[in-house]
Protein backbone atom coordinates (compact mmCIF):
# COMPACT_ATOMS: atom_id res chain seq x y z
CA MET A 1 -0.02 -0.03 -0.07
CA GLN A 2 1.36 3.37 -0.92
CA ALA A 3 2.25 5.82 1.93
CA GLU A 4 -0.57 8.23 1.03
CA ALA A 5 -3.21 5.65 1.05
CA LEU A 6 -1.94 4.14 4.34
CA LYS A 7 -1.92 7.53 5.94
CA GLU A 8 -5.52 8.07 4.98
CA LEU A 9 -6.52 4.62 6.28
CA VAL A 10 -4.86 5.44 9.63
CA VAL A 11 -6.73 8.77 9.81
CA ALA A 12 -10.04 7.10 9.02
CA ALA A 13 -9.47 4.36 11.58
CA LEU A 14 -8.76 6.99 14.15
CA GLU A 15 -11.88 9.14 13.15
CA GLU A 16 -14.08 6.10 13.19
CA ILE A 17 -13.76 5.65 16.95
CA LYS A 18 -13.51 9.31 17.87
CA GLY A 19 -9.89 10.09 17.95
CA VAL A 20 -9.25 13.59 19.23
CA ASN A 21 -7.27 16.31 17.58
CA ILE A 22 -5.89 14.22 14.73
CA VAL A 23 -2.96 15.85 13.02
CA THR A 24 -0.96 14.57 10.04
CA LEU A 25 2.57 15.74 9.32
CA ASP A 26 4.31 15.25 6.01
CA VAL A 27 7.93 14.69 6.98
CA ARG A 28 9.23 13.50 3.66
CA GLN A 29 11.58 16.50 3.30
CA LEU A 30 12.86 16.07 6.88
CA THR A 31 13.79 12.41 7.23
CA ASP A 32 14.27 9.24 5.25
CA VAL A 33 12.75 7.06 8.08
CA MET A 34 9.21 7.81 7.31
CA ASP A 35 6.85 9.90 5.05
CA TYR A 36 4.04 10.70 7.45
CA LEU A 37 3.40 11.17 11.12
CA VAL A 38 -0.11 10.86 12.46
CA ILE A 39 -0.75 12.11 15.83
CA ALA A 40 -4.02 11.80 17.83
CA SER A 41 -5.34 11.85 21.35
CA GLY A 42 -7.64 9.50 23.23
CA THR A 43 -9.72 10.37 26.16
CA SER A 44 -8.47 7.71 28.43
CA ASN A 45 -5.89 4.82 28.58
CA ARG A 46 -8.62 2.43 27.28
CA HIS A 47 -9.50 4.80 24.50
CA VAL A 48 -5.81 5.22 23.49
CA LYS A 49 -5.50 1.44 23.25
CA SER A 50 -8.66 1.14 21.45
CA LEU A 51 -7.67 3.65 18.81
CA ALA A 52 -4.30 2.00 18.24
CA ASP A 53 -6.10 -1.32 17.95
CA ASN A 54 -8.53 0.02 15.42
CA VAL A 55 -5.71 1.33 13.31
CA CYS A 56 -4.00 -2.15 13.37
CA MET A 57 -7.38 -3.94 12.57
CA ALA A 58 -8.17 -1.54 9.62
CA ALA A 59 -4.72 -2.05 8.14
CA LYS A 60 -4.82 -5.79 8.67
CA LYS A 61 -8.14 -5.81 6.59
CA GLU A 62 -6.11 -4.32 3.71
CA GLY A 63 -3.28 -6.77 4.10
CA VAL A 64 -0.98 -4.50 5.94
CA ARG A 65 0.65 -5.33 9.32
CA PRO A 66 2.51 -2.89 11.42
CA LEU A 67 6.34 -3.39 11.83
CA GLY A 68 5.88 -2.80 15.53
CA VAL A 69 3.45 -1.54 18.19
CA GLU A 70 4.87 -0.01 21.35
CA GLY A 71 3.29 1.16 24.68
CA GLU A 72 0.03 -0.82 24.73
CA ASN A 73 0.37 -1.79 28.40
CA PRO A 74 0.49 1.60 29.97
CA GLY A 75 -1.69 3.07 27.27
CA GLU A 76 -0.48 6.56 27.79
CA TRP A 77 1.29 6.68 24.44
CA VAL A 78 0.84 3.91 21.79
CA LEU A 79 3.12 4.03 18.67
CA VAL A 80 2.00 2.10 15.63
CA ASP A 81 4.86 1.83 13.05
CA PHE A 82 4.08 0.98 9.47
CA GLY A 83 7.42 2.13 8.12
CA ASP A 84 6.26 4.87 5.86
CA VAL A 85 3.60 5.91 8.30
CA VAL A 86 3.92 6.17 12.06
CA ALA A 87 0.95 6.76 14.17
CA HIS A 88 1.23 8.22 17.85
CA VAL A 89 -1.82 7.88 19.93
CA MET A 90 -1.54 9.54 23.37
CA LEU A 91 -3.37 10.90 26.26
CA PRO A 92 -3.61 14.66 26.09
CA ALA A 93 -1.31 15.35 29.02
CA THR A 94 1.31 13.08 27.43
CA ARG A 95 0.90 14.78 24.11
CA ASP A 96 1.27 18.13 25.63
CA PHE A 97 4.35 17.10 27.46
CA TYR A 98 6.24 15.79 24.40
CA ASP A 99 4.62 18.16 21.92
CA LEU A 100 5.75 16.20 18.75
CA GLU A 101 3.93 18.67 16.50
CA ARG A 102 6.10 21.52 17.70
CA LEU A 103 9.22 19.38 17.53
CA TRP A 104 8.75 18.60 13.94
CA VAL A 105 7.65 22.24 13.06
CA ASP A 106 10.89 23.46 14.72
CA ILE A 107 12.97 20.94 12.66
CA ARG A 108 11.15 22.10 9.46
CA GLN A 109 12.13 25.74 10.20
CA GLU A 110 15.74 24.87 10.77
CA SER A 111 16.05 23.16 7.40
């Protein structure tokens, strides 16, 4: 599956079960590691885990499996890595603390 289509699949899976404040960052000009970052919040640990699970299930239906999934046990921040697309699903406090959107914007401005 192409990166653009996979990104759209991830966003749709997050929207399907009410992911909060979904942001997509195109990082192709900044790194060779991935093409897109998708960042979303969940309202509770259970919601964060459910969002990540829904992303994995939606991808599986299309024949795509993640390279890795990290952080499911605590459920504060779950990372789903598809290679070209990486999804970060976090509790709002965790998202505010790490502020990945600002980090990537700052990198973009330094380039």
